[in-house]
PDB file of N, CA and C in Angstrom:
ATOM      1  N   UNK A   1      86.543 104.970  41.398  1.00  0.00           N
ATOM      2  CA  UNK A   1      87.765 104.802  42.178  1.00  0.00           C
ATOM      3  C   UNK A   1      88.851 104.137  41.348  1.00  0.00           C
ATOM      4  N   UNK A   2      88.485 103.151  40.532  1.00  0.00           N
ATOM      5  CA  UNK A   2      89.472 102.453  39.712  1.00  0.00           C
ATOM      6  C   UNK A   2      90.129 103.403  38.725  1.00  0.00           C
ATOM      7  N   UNK A   3      89.348 104.345  38.159  1.00  0.00           N
ATOM      8  CA  UNK A   3      89.918 105.310  37.214  1.00  0.00           C
ATOM      9  C   UNK A   3      90.932 106.208  37.916  1.00  0.00           C
ATOM     10  N   UNK A   4      90.641 106.607  39.141  1.00  0.00           N
ATOM     11  CA  UNK A   4      91.559 107.435  39.909  1.00  0.00           C
ATOM     12  C   UNK A   4      92.845 106.674  40.206  1.00  0.00           C
ATOM     13  N   UNK A   5      92.732 105.394  40.571  1.00  0.00           N
ATOM     14  CA  UNK A   5      93.911 104.577  40.828  1.00  0.00           C
ATOM     15  C   UNK A   5      94.741 104.394  39.563  1.00  0.00           C
ATOM     16  N   UNK A   6      94.072 104.181  38.426  1.00  0.00           N
ATOM     17  CA  UNK A   6      94.790 104.022  37.159  1.00  0.00           C
ATOM     18  C   UNK A   6      95.512 105.313  36.796  1.00  0.00           C
ATOM     19  N   UNK A   7      94.841 106.460  36.984  1.00  0.00           N
ATOM     20  CA  UNK A   7      95.470 107.751  36.697  1.00  0.00           C
ATOM     21  C   UNK A   7      96.652 107.983  37.620  1.00  0.00           C
ATOM     22  N   UNK A   8      96.518 107.655  38.895  1.00  0.00           N
ATOM     23  CA  UNK A   8      97.611 107.816  39.849  1.00  0.00           C
ATOM     24  C   UNK A   8      98.789 106.931  39.463  1.00  0.00           C
ATOM     25  N   UNK A   9      98.492 105.736  38.955  1.00  0.00           N
ATOM     26  CA  UNK A   9      99.566 104.839  38.557  1.00  0.00           C
ATOM     27  C   UNK A   9     100.342 105.418  37.380  1.00  0.00           C
ATOM     28  N   UNK A  10      99.642 106.035  36.428  1.00  0.00           N
ATOM     29  CA  UNK A  10     100.315 106.643  35.287  1.00  0.00           C
ATOM     30  C   UNK A  10     101.124 107.843  35.744  1.00  0.00           C
ATOM     31  N   UNK A  11     100.558 108.668  36.609  1.00  0.00           N
ATOM     32  CA  UNK A  11     101.261 109.857  37.083  1.00  0.00           C
ATOM     33  C   UNK A  11     102.430 109.475  37.980  1.00  0.00           C
ATOM     34  N   UNK A  12     102.228 108.553  38.915  1.00  0.00           N
ATOM     35  CA  UNK A  12     103.252 108.202  39.882  1.00  0.00           C
ATOM     36  C   UNK A  12     104.224 107.147  39.353  1.00  0.00           C
ATOM     37  N   UNK A  13     103.753 106.304  38.444  1.00  0.00           N
ATOM     38  CA  UNK A  13     104.586 105.211  37.959  1.00  0.00           C
ATOM     39  C   UNK A  13     105.090 105.479  36.556  1.00  0.00           C
ATOM     40  N   UNK A  14     105.234 104.438  35.805  1.00  0.00           N
ATOM     41  CA  UNK A  14     105.730 104.504  34.453  1.00  0.00           C
ATOM     42  C   UNK A  14     104.629 104.960  33.515  1.00  0.00           C
ATOM     43  N   UNK A  15     104.759 106.131  32.874  1.00  0.00           N
ATOM     44  CA  UNK A  15     103.693 106.617  32.016  1.00  0.00           C
ATOM     45  C   UNK A  15     103.577 105.833  30.703  1.00  0.00           C
ATOM     46  N   UNK A  16     104.610 105.089  30.342  1.00  0.00           N
ATOM     47  CA  UNK A  16     104.606 104.299  29.121  1.00  0.00           C
ATOM     48  C   UNK A  16     104.962 102.860  29.447  1.00  0.00           C
ATOM     49  N   UNK A  17     104.045 102.134  30.103  1.00  0.00           N
ATOM     50  CA  UNK A  17     104.390 100.777  30.514  1.00  0.00           C
ATOM     51  C   UNK A  17     104.634  99.872  29.302  1.00  0.00           C
ATOM     52  N   UNK A  18     105.831  99.331  29.226  1.00  0.00           N
ATOM     53  CA  UNK A  18     106.223  98.427  28.159  1.00  0.00           C
ATOM     54  C   UNK A  18     106.939  97.263  28.820  1.00  0.00           C
ATOM     55  N   UNK A  19     106.693  96.073  28.304  1.00  0.00           N
ATOM     56  CA  UNK A  19     107.297  94.911  28.953  1.00  0.00           C
ATOM     57  C   UNK A  19     108.816  94.896  28.762  1.00  0.00           C
ATOM     58  N   UNK A  20     109.485  94.274  29.703  1.00  0.00           N
ATOM     59  CA  UNK A  20     110.931  94.106  29.635  1.00  0.00           C
ATOM     60  C   UNK A  20     111.256  92.926  28.731  1.00  0.00           C
ATOM     61  N   UNK A  21     112.316  93.077  27.951  1.00  0.00           N
ATOM     62  CA  UNK A  21     112.782  91.997  27.090  1.00  0.00           C
ATOM     63  C   UNK A  21     114.106  91.490  27.640  1.00  0.00           C
ATOM     64  N   UNK A  22     114.160  90.246  28.124  1.00  0.00           N
ATOM     65  CA  UNK A  22     115.423  89.720  28.643  1.00  0.00           C
ATOM     66  C   UNK A  22     116.481  89.653  27.540  1.00  0.00           C
ATOM     67  N   UNK A  23     117.716  89.936  27.913  1.00  0.00           N
ATOM     68  CA  UNK A  23     118.837  89.840  26.983  1.00  0.00           C
ATOM     69  C   UNK A  23     119.458  88.465  27.172  1.00  0.00           C
ATOM     70  N   UNK A  24     119.420  87.665  26.117  1.00  0.00           N
ATOM     71  CA  UNK A  24     119.939  86.291  26.204  1.00  0.00           C
ATOM     72  C   UNK A  24     121.458  86.273  26.318  1.00  0.00           C
ATOM     73  N   UNK A  25     122.123  87.160  25.599  1.00  0.00           N
ATOM     74  CA  UNK A  25     123.585  87.177  25.577  1.00  0.00           C
ATOM     75  C   UNK A  25     124.097  88.377  26.365  1.00  0.00           C
ATOM     76  N   UNK A  26     124.342  88.190  27.665  1.00  0.00           N
ATOM     77  CA  UNK A  26     124.799  89.305  28.492  1.00  0.00           C
ATOM     78  C   UNK A  26     126.231  89.721  28.172  1.00  0.00           C
ATOM     79  N   UNK A  27     126.921  88.960  27.332  1.00  0.00           N
ATOM     80  CA  UNK A  27     128.264  89.367  26.929  1.00  0.00           C
ATOM     81  C   UNK A  27     128.239  90.155  25.625  1.00  0.00           C
ATOM     82  N   UNK A  28     127.051  90.510  25.133  1.00  0.00           N
ATOM     83  CA  UNK A  28     126.948  91.332  23.930  1.00  0.00           C
ATOM     84  C   UNK A  28     127.653  92.666  24.165  1.00  0.00           C
ATOM     85  N   UNK A  29     128.175  93.226  23.104  1.00  0.00           N
ATOM     86  CA  UNK A  29     128.985  94.443  23.210  1.00  0.00           C
ATOM     87  C   UNK A  29     128.218  95.580  23.873  1.00  0.00           C
ATOM     88  N   UNK A  30     126.960  95.802  23.470  1.00  0.00           N
ATOM     89  CA  UNK A  30     126.200  96.914  24.036  1.00  0.00           C
ATOM     90  C   UNK A  30     125.930  96.698  25.521  1.00  0.00           C
ATOM     91  N   UNK A  31     125.664  95.473  25.930  1.00  0.00           N
ATOM     92  CA  UNK A  31     125.429  95.194  27.348  1.00  0.00           C
ATOM     93  C   UNK A  31     126.716  95.391  28.144  1.00  0.00           C
ATOM     94  N   UNK A  32     127.837  94.927  27.628  1.00  0.00           N
ATOM     95  CA  UNK A  32     129.117  95.129  28.313  1.00  0.00           C
ATOM     96  C   UNK A  32     129.419  96.615  28.450  1.00  0.00           C
ATOM     97  N   UNK A  33     129.107  97.399  27.419  1.00  0.00           N
ATOM     98  CA  UNK A  33     129.318  98.840  27.488  1.00  0.00           C
ATOM     99  C   UNK A  33     128.451  99.461  28.579  1.00  0.00           C
ATOM    100  N   UNK A  34     127.171  99.088  28.631  1.00  0.00           N
ATOM    101  CA  UNK A  34     126.263  99.626  29.645  1.00  0.00           C
ATOM    102  C   UNK A  34     126.739  99.233  31.046  1.00  0.00           C
ATOM    103  N   UNK A  35     127.155  97.980  31.197  1.00  0.00           N
ATOM    104  CA  UNK A  35     127.605  97.498  32.499  1.00  0.00           C
ATOM    105  C   UNK A  35     128.863  98.228  32.966  1.00  0.00           C
ATOM    106  N   UNK A  36     129.833  98.365  32.090  1.00  0.00           N
ATOM    107  CA  UNK A  36     131.077  99.024  32.497  1.00  0.00           C
ATOM    108  C   UNK A  36     130.832 100.500  32.765  1.00  0.00           C
ATOM    109  N   UNK A  37     129.951 101.121  31.986  1.00  0.00           N
ATOM    110  CA  UNK A  37     129.611 102.522  32.219  1.00  0.00           C
ATOM    111  C   UNK A  37     128.905 102.684  33.558  1.00  0.00           C
ATOM    112  N   UNK A  38     127.983 101.783  33.856  1.00  0.00           N
ATOM    113  CA  UNK A  38     127.282 101.843  35.140  1.00  0.00           C
ATOM    114  C   UNK A  38     128.258 101.661  36.290  1.00  0.00           C
ATOM    115  N   UNK A  39     129.185 100.711  36.174  1.00  0.00           N
ATOM    116  CA  UNK A  39     130.174 100.487  37.233  1.00  0.00           C
ATOM    117  C   UNK A  39     131.059 101.720  37.415  1.00  0.00           C
ATOM    118  N   UNK A  40     131.442 102.374  36.330  1.00  0.00           N
ATOM    119  CA  UNK A  40     132.253 103.589  36.421  1.00  0.00           C
ATOM    120  C   UNK A  40     131.486 104.699  37.118  1.00  0.00           C
ATOM    121  N   UNK A  41     130.205 104.826  36.815  1.00  0.00           N
ATOM    122  CA  UNK A  41     129.403 105.884  37.424  1.00  0.00           C
ATOM    123  C   UNK A  41     129.162 105.628  38.912  1.00  0.00           C
ATOM    124  N   UNK A  42     129.234 104.367  39.341  1.00  0.00           N
ATOM    125  CA  UNK A  42     129.112 104.075  40.767  1.00  0.00           C
ATOM    126  C   UNK A  42     130.305 104.629  41.524  1.00  0.00           C
ATOM    127  N   UNK A  43     131.463 104.687  40.867  1.00  0.00           N
ATOM    128  CA  UNK A  43     132.667 105.231  41.489  1.00  0.00           C
ATOM    129  C   UNK A  43     133.873 104.383  41.179  1.00  0.00           C
ATOM    130  N   UNK A  44     135.024 105.008  41.233  1.00  0.00           N
ATOM    131  CA  UNK A  44     136.266 104.314  40.866  1.00  0.00           C
ATOM    132  C   UNK A  44     136.637 103.215  41.858  1.00  0.00           C
ATOM    133  N   UNK A  45     136.058 103.248  43.050  1.00  0.00           N
ATOM    134  CA  UNK A  45     136.378 102.217  44.032  1.00  0.00           C
ATOM    135  C   UNK A  45     135.624 100.909  43.770  1.00  0.00           C
ATOM    136  N   UNK A  46     134.667 100.940  42.831  1.00  0.00           N
ATOM    137  CA  UNK A  46     133.908  99.737  42.468  1.00  0.00           C
ATOM    138  C   UNK A  46     134.496  99.106  41.214  1.00  0.00           C
ATOM    139  N   UNK A  47     134.455  97.789  41.144  1.00  0.00           N
ATOM    140  CA  UNK A  47     134.843  97.108  39.909  1.00  0.00           C
ATOM    141  C   UNK A  47     133.799  96.041  39.590  1.00  0.00           C
ATOM    142  N   UNK A  48     133.467  95.952  38.321  1.00  0.00           N
ATOM    143  CA  UNK A  48     132.474  95.006  37.845  1.00  0.00           C
ATOM    144  C   UNK A  48     133.074  93.610  37.834  1.00  0.00           C
ATOM    145  N   UNK A  49     132.410  92.657  38.484  1.00  0.00           N
ATOM    146  CA  UNK A  49     132.914  91.286  38.500  1.00  0.00           C
ATOM    147  C   UNK A  49     132.075  90.345  37.647  1.00  0.00           C
ATOM    148  N   UNK A  50     130.754  90.627  37.493  1.00  0.00           N
ATOM    149  CA  UNK A  50     129.903  89.742  36.708  1.00  0.00           C
ATOM    150  C   UNK A  50     128.608  90.450  36.344  1.00  0.00           C
ATOM    151  N   UNK A  51     128.111  90.147  35.158  1.00  0.00           N
ATOM    152  CA  UNK A  51     126.771  90.572  34.751  1.00  0.00           C
ATOM    153  C   UNK A  51     125.837  89.417  35.103  1.00  0.00           C
ATOM    154  N   UNK A  52     124.930  89.654  36.034  1.00  0.00           N
ATOM    155  CA  UNK A  52     124.013  88.602  36.469  1.00  0.00           C
ATOM    156  C   UNK A  52     122.848  88.479  35.496  1.00  0.00           C
ATOM    157  N   UNK A  53     122.238  89.616  35.159  1.00  0.00           N
ATOM    158  CA  UNK A  53     121.140  89.601  34.194  1.00  0.00           C
ATOM    159  C   UNK A  53     121.016  90.972  33.552  1.00  0.00           C
ATOM    160  N   UNK A  54     120.356  90.994  32.395  1.00  0.00           N
ATOM    161  CA  UNK A  54     120.122  92.242  31.681  1.00  0.00           C
ATOM    162  C   UNK A  54     118.811  92.140  30.923  1.00  0.00           C
ATOM    163  N   UNK A  55     118.057  93.242  30.934  1.00  0.00           N
ATOM    164  CA  UNK A  55     116.813  93.342  30.172  1.00  0.00           C
ATOM    165  C   UNK A  55     116.778  94.718  29.534  1.00  0.00           C
ATOM    166  N   UNK A  56     116.032  94.828  28.448  1.00  0.00           N
ATOM    167  CA  UNK A  56     115.862  96.127  27.797  1.00  0.00           C
ATOM    168  C   UNK A  56     114.390  96.482  27.757  1.00  0.00           C
ATOM    169  N   UNK A  57     114.139  97.775  27.677  1.00  0.00           N
ATOM    170  CA  UNK A  57     112.779  98.293  27.600  1.00  0.00           C
ATOM    171  C   UNK A  57     112.808  99.508  26.674  1.00  0.00           C
ATOM    172  N   UNK A  58     111.981  99.499  25.638  1.00  0.00           N
ATOM    173  CA  UNK A  58     111.859 100.680  24.789  1.00  0.00           C
ATOM    174  C   UNK A  58     111.180 101.744  25.625  1.00  0.00           C
ATOM    175  N   UNK A  59     111.781 102.922  25.679  1.00  0.00           N
ATOM    176  CA  UNK A  59     111.263 103.973  26.545  1.00  0.00           C
ATOM    177  C   UNK A  59     111.444 105.317  25.843  1.00  0.00           C
ATOM    178  N   UNK A  60     110.357 105.926  25.464  1.00  0.00           N
ATOM    179  CA  UNK A  60     110.432 107.201  24.758  1.00  0.00           C
ATOM    180  C   UNK A  60     111.177 107.012  23.452  1.00  0.00           C
ATOM    181  N   UNK A  61     112.222 107.796  23.246  1.00  0.00           N
ATOM    182  CA  UNK A  61     113.032 107.704  22.031  1.00  0.00           C
ATOM    183  C   UNK A  61     114.325 106.948  22.264  1.00  0.00           C
ATOM    184  N   UNK A  62     114.378 106.154  23.305  1.00  0.00           N
ATOM    185  CA  UNK A  62     115.610 105.438  23.602  1.00  0.00           C
ATOM    186  C   UNK A  62     115.338 104.067  24.182  1.00  0.00           C
ATOM    187  N   UNK A  63     116.332 103.550  24.850  1.00  0.00           N
ATOM    188  CA  UNK A  63     116.263 102.232  25.475  1.00  0.00           C
ATOM    189  C   UNK A  63     116.654 102.356  26.930  1.00  0.00           C
ATOM    190  N   UNK A  64     115.880 101.740  27.796  1.00  0.00           N
ATOM    191  CA  UNK A  64     116.191 101.683  29.215  1.00  0.00           C
ATOM    192  C   UNK A  64     116.734 100.288  29.500  1.00  0.00           C
ATOM    193  N   UNK A  65     117.967 100.212  29.979  1.00  0.00           N
ATOM    194  CA  UNK A  65     118.611  98.944  30.304  1.00  0.00           C
ATOM    195  C   UNK A  65     118.433  98.674  31.785  1.00  0.00           C
ATOM    196  N   UNK A  66     117.892  97.512  32.124  1.00  0.00           N
ATOM    197  CA  UNK A  66     117.736  97.058  33.502  1.00  0.00           C
ATOM    198  C   UNK A  66     118.836  96.023  33.727  1.00  0.00           C
ATOM    199  N   UNK A  67     119.777  96.324  34.599  1.00  0.00           N
ATOM    200  CA  UNK A  67     120.945  95.472  34.783  1.00  0.00           C
ATOM    201  C   UNK A  67     121.041  95.012  36.227  1.00  0.00           C
ATOM    202  N   UNK A  68     121.452  93.786  36.400  1.00  0.00           N
ATOM    203  CA  UNK A  68     121.796  93.279  37.729  1.00  0.00           C
ATOM    204  C   UNK A  68     123.261  92.888  37.654  1.00  0.00           C
ATOM    205  N   UNK A  69     124.065  93.527  38.484  1.00  0.00           N
ATOM    206  CA  UNK A  69     125.513  93.378  38.406  1.00  0.00           C
ATOM    207  C   UNK A  69     126.089  92.900  39.721  1.00  0.00           C
ATOM    208  N   UNK A  70     127.147  92.133  39.630  1.00  0.00           N
ATOM    209  CA  UNK A  70     127.955  91.804  40.808  1.00  0.00           C
ATOM    210  C   UNK A  70     129.163  92.722  40.737  1.00  0.00           C
ATOM    211  N   UNK A  71     129.357  93.505  41.777  1.00  0.00           N
ATOM    212  CA  UNK A  71     130.496  94.421  41.831  1.00  0.00           C
ATOM    213  C   UNK A  71     131.228  94.217  43.145  1.00  0.00           C
ATOM    214  N   UNK A  72     132.488  94.617  43.158  1.00  0.00           N
ATOM    215  CA  UNK A  72     133.260  94.557  44.394  1.00  0.00           C
ATOM    216  C   UNK A  72     133.804  95.946  44.695  1.00  0.00           C
ATOM    217  N   UNK A  73     134.043  96.192  45.962  1.00  0.00           N
ATOM    218  CA  UNK A  73     134.554  97.479  46.412  1.00  0.00           C
ATOM    219  C   UNK A  73     135.632  97.217  47.454  1.00  0.00           C
ATOM    220  N   UNK A  74     136.795  97.776  47.220  1.00  0.00           N
ATOM    221  CA  UNK A  74     137.892  97.641  48.184  1.00  0.00           C
ATOM    222  C   UNK A  74     137.850  98.804  49.159  1.00  0.00           C
ATOM    223  N   UNK A  75     138.074  98.497  50.418  1.00  0.00           N
ATOM    224  CA  UNK A  75     138.145  99.556  51.421  1.00  0.00           C
ATOM    225  C   UNK A  75     139.575 100.073  51.464  1.00  0.00           C
ATOM    226  N   UNK A  76     139.718 101.321  51.785  1.00  0.00           N
ATOM    227  CA  UNK A  76     141.059 101.905  51.849  1.00  0.00           C
ATOM    228  C   UNK A  76     141.437 102.143  53.302  1.00  0.00           C
ATOM    229  N   UNK A  77     141.653 101.071  53.982  1.00  0.00           N
ATOM    230  CA  UNK A  77     142.071 101.165  55.376  1.00  0.00           C
ATOM    231  C   UNK A  77     143.454 100.529  55.508  1.00  0.00           C
ATOM    232  N   UNK A  78     143.972 100.487  56.717  1.00  0.00           N
ATOM    233  CA  UNK A  78     145.293  99.878  56.917  1.00  0.00           C
ATOM    234  C   UNK A  78     145.261  98.389  56.617  1.00  0.00           C
ATOM    235  N   UNK A  79     144.102  97.754  56.814  1.00  0.00           N
ATOM    236  CA  UNK A  79     143.910  96.358  56.444  1.00  0.00           C
ATOM    237  C   UNK A  79     142.785  96.310  55.410  1.00  0.00           C
ATOM    238  N   UNK A  80     143.130  96.478  54.115  1.00  0.00           N
ATOM    239  CA  UNK A  80     142.079  96.540  53.097  1.00  0.00           C
ATOM    240  C   UNK A  80     141.271  95.248  53.005  1.00  0.00           C
ATOM    241  N   UNK A  81     139.989  95.405  52.819  1.00  0.00           N
ATOM    242  CA  UNK A  81     139.090  94.268  52.610  1.00  0.00           C
ATOM    243  C   UNK A  81     138.291  94.517  51.339  1.00  0.00           C
ATOM    244  N   UNK A  82     137.741  93.458  50.802  1.00  0.00           N
ATOM    245  CA  UNK A  82     136.910  93.567  49.608  1.00  0.00           C
ATOM    246  C   UNK A  82     135.489  93.185  49.985  1.00  0.00           C
ATOM    247  N   UNK A  83     134.570  94.090  49.710  1.00  0.00           N
ATOM    248  CA  UNK A  83     133.154  93.820  49.928  1.00  0.00           C
ATOM    249  C   UNK A  83     132.498  93.563  48.577  1.00  0.00           C
ATOM    250  N   UNK A  84     131.653  92.550  48.525  1.00  0.00           N
ATOM    251  CA  UNK A  84     130.942  92.216  47.296  1.00  0.00           C
ATOM    252  C   UNK A  84     129.503  92.681  47.399  1.00  0.00           C
ATOM    253  N   UNK A  85     129.005  93.262  46.307  1.00  0.00           N
ATOM    254  CA  UNK A  85     127.652  93.800  46.258  1.00  0.00           C
ATOM    255  C   UNK A  85     126.912  93.263  45.045  1.00  0.00           C
ATOM    256  N   UNK A  86     125.607  93.158  45.176  1.00  0.00           N
ATOM    257  CA  UNK A  86     124.728  92.922  44.042  1.00  0.00           C
ATOM    258  C   UNK A  86     124.008  94.240  43.803  1.00  0.00           C
ATOM    259  N   UNK A  87     124.131  94.762  42.595  1.00  0.00           N
ATOM    260  CA  UNK A  87     123.554  96.069  42.279  1.00  0.00           C
ATOM    261  C   UNK A  87     122.514  95.942  41.182  1.00  0.00           C
ATOM    262  N   UNK A  88     121.411  96.633  41.374  1.00  0.00           N
ATOM    263  CA  UNK A  88     120.389  96.753  40.331  1.00  0.00           C
ATOM    264  C   UNK A  88     120.496  98.172  39.797  1.00  0.00           C
ATOM    265  N   UNK A  89     120.698  98.253  38.493  1.00  0.00           N
ATOM    266  CA  UNK A  89     121.008  99.526  37.854  1.00  0.00           C
ATOM    267  C   UNK A  89     120.101  99.718  36.647  1.00  0.00           C
ATOM    268  N   UNK A  90     119.681 100.966  36.421  1.00  0.00           N
ATOM    269  CA  UNK A  90     118.952 101.312  35.200  1.00  0.00           C
ATOM    270  C   UNK A  90     119.751 102.381  34.464  1.00  0.00           C
ATOM    271  N   UNK A  91     119.986 102.134  33.184  1.00  0.00           N
ATOM    272  CA  UNK A  91     120.727 103.073  32.341  1.00  0.00           C
ATOM    273  C   UNK A  91     119.843 103.421  31.157  1.00  0.00           C
ATOM    274  N   UNK A  92     119.621 104.724  30.956  1.00  0.00           N
ATOM    275  CA  UNK A  92     118.819 105.195  29.832  1.00  0.00           C
ATOM    276  C   UNK A  92     119.740 105.646  28.718  1.00  0.00           C
ATOM    277  N   UNK A  93     119.522 105.118  27.530  1.00  0.00           N
ATOM    278  CA  UNK A  93     120.371 105.404  26.380  1.00  0.00           C
ATOM    279  C   UNK A  93     119.516 105.940  25.248  1.00  0.00           C
ATOM    280  N   UNK A  94     119.799 107.168  24.842  1.00  0.00           N
ATOM    281  CA  UNK A  94     119.072 107.788  23.746  1.00  0.00           C
ATOM    282  C   UNK A  94     120.035 108.106  22.603  1.00  0.00           C
ATOM    283  N   UNK A  95     121.196 107.427  22.613  1.00  0.00           N
ATOM    284  CA  UNK A  95     122.259 107.768  21.679  1.00  0.00           C
ATOM    285  C   UNK A  95     121.954 107.595  20.197  1.00  0.00           C
ATOM    286  N   UNK A  96     121.084 106.718  19.781  1.00  0.00           N
ATOM    287  CA  UNK A  96     120.847 106.705  18.331  1.00  0.00           C
ATOM    288  C   UNK A  96     120.299 108.049  17.825  1.00  0.00           C
ATOM    289  N   UNK A  97     119.626 108.794  18.699  1.00  0.00           N
ATOM    290  CA  UNK A  97     119.003 110.051  18.290  1.00  0.00           C
ATOM    291  C   UNK A  97     119.773 111.265  18.799  1.00  0.00           C
ATOM    292  N   UNK A  98     120.286 111.188  20.011  1.00  0.00           N
ATOM    293  CA  UNK A  98     121.046 112.292  20.607  1.00  0.00           C
ATOM    294  C   UNK A  98     122.238 111.682  21.331  1.00  0.00           C
ATOM    295  N   UNK A  99     122.998 112.496  22.010  1.00  0.00           N
ATOM    296  CA  UNK A  99     124.126 111.974  22.789  1.00  0.00           C
ATOM    297  C   UNK A  99     123.741 111.763  24.253  1.00  0.00           C
ATOM    298  N   UNK A 100     122.445 111.718  24.544  1.00  0.00           N
ATOM    299  CA  UNK A 100     121.969 111.595  25.926  1.00  0.00           C
ATOM    300  C   UNK A 100     122.130 110.168  26.433  1.00  0.00           C
ATOM    301  N   UNK A 101     122.777 110.047  27.578  1.00  0.00           N
ATOM    302  CA  UNK A 101     123.075 108.754  28.181  1.00  0.00           C
ATOM    303  C   UNK A 101     123.145 108.983  29.684  1.00  0.00           C
ATOM    304  N   UNK A 102     122.352 108.266  30.470  1.00  0.00           N
ATOM    305  CA  UNK A 102     122.305 108.541  31.905  1.00  0.00           C
ATOM    306  C   UNK A 102     121.977 107.284  32.710  1.00  0.00           C
ATOM    307  N   UNK A 103     122.662 107.130  33.846  1.00  0.00           N
ATOM    308  CA  UNK A 103     122.280 106.104  34.807  1.00  0.00           C
ATOM    309  C   UNK A 103     121.177 106.726  35.650  1.00  0.00           C
ATOM    310  N   UNK A 104     119.959 106.196  35.537  1.00  0.00           N
ATOM    311  CA  UNK A 104     118.815 106.830  36.177  1.00  0.00           C
ATOM    312  C   UNK A 104     118.580 106.356  37.597  1.00  0.00           C
ATOM    313  N   UNK A 105     118.979 105.141  37.917  1.00  0.00           N
ATOM    314  CA  UNK A 105     118.862 104.689  39.310  1.00  0.00           C
ATOM    315  C   UNK A 105     119.771 103.498  39.552  1.00  0.00           C
ATOM    316  N   UNK A 106     120.160 103.374  40.801  1.00  0.00           N
ATOM    317  CA  UNK A 106     120.918 102.179  41.202  1.00  0.00           C
ATOM    318  C   UNK A 106     120.680 101.898  42.678  1.00  0.00           C
ATOM    319  N   UNK A 107     120.796 100.633  43.000  1.00  0.00           N
ATOM    320  CA  UNK A 107     120.645 100.175  44.374  1.00  0.00           C
ATOM    321  C   UNK A 107     121.597  99.014  44.557  1.00  0.00           C
ATOM    322  N   UNK A 108     122.436  99.093  45.559  1.00  0.00           N
ATOM    323  CA  UNK A 108     123.397  98.016  45.816  1.00  0.00           C
ATOM    324  C   UNK A 108     123.143  97.413  47.198  1.00  0.00           C
ATOM    325  N   UNK A 109     123.298  96.109  47.280  1.00  0.00           N
ATOM    326  CA  UNK A 109     123.103  95.361  48.531  1.00  0.00           C
ATOM    327  C   UNK A 109     124.345  94.538  48.785  1.00  0.00           C
ATOM    328  N   UNK A 110     124.865  94.623  49.994  1.00  0.00           N
ATOM    329  CA  UNK A 110     126.033  93.826  50.386  1.00  0.00           C
ATOM    330  C   UNK A 110     125.690  92.350  50.270  1.00  0.00           C
ATOM    331  N   UNK A 111     126.580  91.586  49.607  1.00  0.00           N
ATOM    332  CA  UNK A 111     126.267  90.166  49.392  1.00  0.00           C
ATOM    333  C   UNK A 111     127.299  89.201  49.968  1.00  0.00           C
ATOM    334  N   UNK A 112     128.323  89.705  50.673  1.00  0.00           N
ATOM    335  CA  UNK A 112     129.283  88.739  51.250  1.00  0.00           C
ATOM    336  C   UNK A 112     129.127  88.612  52.744  1.00  0.00           C
TER     337      UNK A 112
END
């Protein structure tokens, strides 16, 4: 049974489990690029307000960035309001080898 569970975990989960490496300097150029790119891909109505945390993971032939971002979104109503969100985003970057770059997942939670 344990072998079946392990096989299911590889098939259903991460086939190349590698530990995450926290990024000490979230203001590093590459992290800022990933964060601004992720915010742009969320939509033009979102703006990045803060990088909360960042980690990297070697994945295949590239790097998977795990980002936690504070973003804001303005509503376009007669009385505009600003909603603040905490977003968890993953960006896959294979650019040293190819031009492949993709935001693979994101989840935002209202925080105000």
